[in-house]
Amino acid sequence: MHWSCLTECRTVDGAEDGTRVGMPRRAKSHETDEAAQGVFKAAIPKDWVVREQRPDYGLDYVVEIFEGGGGRLASPNLLGSNGVFN
């Protein structure tokens, strides 16, 4: 299999982090969002059902909460942050 770069793909001279010239970089906001989703999903009890909403228009998930023999729905909107909320 052969592939080629559509943009310049050379390592910056002397760059210790392997940064490549002309290549897109992942936005910090995307990294923060992905981390927030992981924290949220890890905090949800295993017997609850989490459904991701796409496209996202203010509600990121629909969560079916099963407690006491009945079910309820919640629609959380996540907001990731690099800080700590009080």
C-alpha atoms as a PDB file:
ATOM      1  CA  MET A   1       0.000   0.000   0.000  1.00  0.00           C
ATOM      2  CA  HIS A   2       1.308   3.447  -0.913  1.00  0.00           C
ATOM      3  CA  TRP A   3       0.210   6.813   0.424  1.00  0.00           C
ATOM      4  CA  SER A   4       1.590  10.295   0.213  1.00  0.00           C
ATOM      5  CA  CYS A   5       1.129  13.489   2.164  1.00  0.00           C
ATOM      6  CA  LEU A   6      -1.009  16.161   0.584  1.00  0.00           C
ATOM      7  CA  THR A   7       0.830  18.732   2.665  1.00  0.00           C
ATOM      8  CA  GLU A   8       4.452  19.049   3.606  1.00  0.00           C
ATOM      9  CA  CYS A   9       5.384  16.222   6.008  1.00  0.00           C
ATOM     10  CA  ARG A  10       8.839  16.790   7.372  1.00  0.00           C
ATOM     11  CA  THR A  11       9.980  16.925  10.957  1.00  0.00           C
ATOM     12  CA  VAL A  12      11.015  20.344  12.217  1.00  0.00           C
ATOM     13  CA  ASP A  13      14.793  20.448  12.598  1.00  0.00           C
ATOM     14  CA  GLY A  14      15.694  20.064  16.259  1.00  0.00           C
ATOM     15  CA  ALA A  15      12.094  19.601  17.443  1.00  0.00           C
ATOM     16  CA  GLU A  16      12.101  17.229  20.393  1.00  0.00           C
ATOM     17  CA  ASP A  17       8.339  16.636  20.227  1.00  0.00           C
ATOM     18  CA  GLY A  18       8.319  15.379  16.634  1.00  0.00           C
ATOM     19  CA  THR A  19       6.158  18.278  15.445  1.00  0.00           C
ATOM     20  CA  ARG A  20       5.552  18.171  11.721  1.00  0.00           C
ATOM     21  CA  VAL A  21       5.429  21.225   9.514  1.00  0.00           C
ATOM     22  CA  GLY A  22       2.172  21.697   7.618  1.00  0.00           C
ATOM     23  CA  MET A  23       0.270  19.009   9.501  1.00  0.00           C
ATOM     24  CA  PRO A  24      -2.919  19.860  11.390  1.00  0.00           C
ATOM     25  CA  ARG A  25      -2.795  19.834  15.171  1.00  0.00           C
ATOM     26  CA  ARG A  26      -5.516  18.585  17.442  1.00  0.00           C
ATOM     27  CA  ALA A  27      -7.203  21.432  19.286  1.00  0.00           C
ATOM     28  CA  LYS A  28      -6.919  21.440  23.083  1.00  0.00           C
ATOM     29  CA  SER A  29     -10.705  21.905  23.251  1.00  0.00           C
ATOM     30  CA  HIS A  30     -11.140  18.541  21.489  1.00  0.00           C
ATOM     31  CA  GLU A  31      -8.830  16.855  23.991  1.00  0.00           C
ATOM     32  CA  THR A  32     -10.716  18.455  26.898  1.00  0.00           C
ATOM     33  CA  ASP A  33     -14.087  17.425  25.441  1.00  0.00           C
ATOM     34  CA  GLU A  34     -12.957  13.821  24.981  1.00  0.00           C
ATOM     35  CA  ALA A  35     -11.617  13.697  28.556  1.00  0.00           C
ATOM     36  CA  ALA A  36     -14.905  15.118  29.916  1.00  0.00           C
ATOM     37  CA  GLN A  37     -16.873  12.447  28.056  1.00  0.00           C
ATOM     38  CA  GLY A  38     -14.678   9.742  29.574  1.00  0.00           C
ATOM     39  CA  VAL A  39     -15.190  11.087  33.117  1.00  0.00           C
ATOM     40  CA  PHE A  40     -18.949  11.327  32.562  1.00  0.00           C
ATOM     41  CA  LYS A  41     -19.294   7.785  31.181  1.00  0.00           C
ATOM     42  CA  ALA A  42     -17.149   6.349  33.999  1.00  0.00           C
ATOM     43  CA  ALA A  43     -19.400   8.004  36.616  1.00  0.00           C
ATOM     44  CA  ILE A  44     -22.655   6.554  35.247  1.00  0.00           C
ATOM     45  CA  PRO A  45     -23.909   3.383  37.003  1.00  0.00           C
ATOM     46  CA  LYS A  46     -23.656   0.263  34.852  1.00  0.00           C
ATOM     47  CA  ASP A  47     -27.412  -0.393  34.897  1.00  0.00           C
ATOM     48  CA  TRP A  48     -28.200   3.011  33.328  1.00  0.00           C
ATOM     49  CA  VAL A  49     -28.336   3.340  29.528  1.00  0.00           C
ATOM     50  CA  VAL A  50     -26.393   6.205  27.920  1.00  0.00           C
ATOM     51  CA  ARG A  51     -27.179   7.280  24.347  1.00  0.00           C
ATOM     52  CA  GLU A  52     -25.065   9.900  22.626  1.00  0.00           C
ATOM     53  CA  GLN A  53     -26.995  12.572  20.710  1.00  0.00           C
ATOM     54  CA  ARG A  54     -25.770  13.476  17.214  1.00  0.00           C
ATOM     55  CA  PRO A  55     -25.966  16.093  15.978  1.00  0.00           C
ATOM     56  CA  ASP A  56     -25.451  17.809  19.320  1.00  0.00           C
ATOM     57  CA  TYR A  57     -27.728  20.838  19.718  1.00  0.00           C
ATOM     58  CA  GLY A  58     -27.175  21.513  23.414  1.00  0.00           C
ATOM     59  CA  LEU A  59     -27.913  17.997  24.681  1.00  0.00           C
ATOM     60  CA  ASP A  60     -24.974  15.626  24.522  1.00  0.00           C
ATOM     61  CA  TYR A  61     -26.656  12.470  25.836  1.00  0.00           C
ATOM     62  CA  VAL A  62     -29.976  10.905  26.751  1.00  0.00           C
ATOM     63  CA  VAL A  63     -29.612   8.793  29.890  1.00  0.00           C
ATOM     64  CA  GLU A  64     -32.202   6.215  30.945  1.00  0.00           C
ATOM     65  CA  ILE A  65     -32.076   5.944  34.729  1.00  0.00           C
ATOM     66  CA  PHE A  66     -33.357   2.682  36.156  1.00  0.00           C
ATOM     67  CA  GLU A  67     -34.023   2.875  39.902  1.00  0.00           C
ATOM     68  CA  GLY A  68     -36.695   1.292  42.062  1.00  0.00           C
ATOM     69  CA  GLY A  69     -38.224  -0.670  39.196  1.00  0.00           C
ATOM     70  CA  GLY A  70     -38.996   2.393  37.074  1.00  0.00           C
ATOM     71  CA  GLY A  71     -37.173   4.416  34.495  1.00  0.00           C
ATOM     72  CA  ARG A  72     -36.573   8.139  34.109  1.00  0.00           C
ATOM     73  CA  LEU A  73     -34.811  10.149  31.418  1.00  0.00           C
ATOM     74  CA  ALA A  74     -32.112  12.779  31.807  1.00  0.00           C
ATOM     75  CA  SER A  75     -30.511  14.883  29.066  1.00  0.00           C
ATOM     76  CA  PRO A  76     -27.135  16.177  30.279  1.00  0.00           C
ATOM     77  CA  ASN A  77     -25.003  18.717  28.443  1.00  0.00           C
ATOM     78  CA  LEU A  78     -21.282  18.326  29.164  1.00  0.00           C
ATOM     79  CA  LEU A  79     -18.884  21.211  29.534  1.00  0.00           C
ATOM     80  CA  GLY A  80     -15.269  20.159  29.876  1.00  0.00           C
ATOM     81  CA  SER A  81     -12.748  22.384  31.635  1.00  0.00           C
ATOM     82  CA  ASN A  82      -9.098  22.232  32.529  1.00  0.00           C
ATOM     83  CA  GLY A  83      -9.967  23.797  35.892  1.00  0.00           C
ATOM     84  CA  VAL A  84     -11.808  22.563  38.944  1.00  0.00           C
ATOM     85  CA  PHE A  85     -15.446  23.494  39.569  1.00  0.00           C
ATOM     86  CA  ASN A  86     -16.488  24.397  43.105  1.00  0.00           C
END
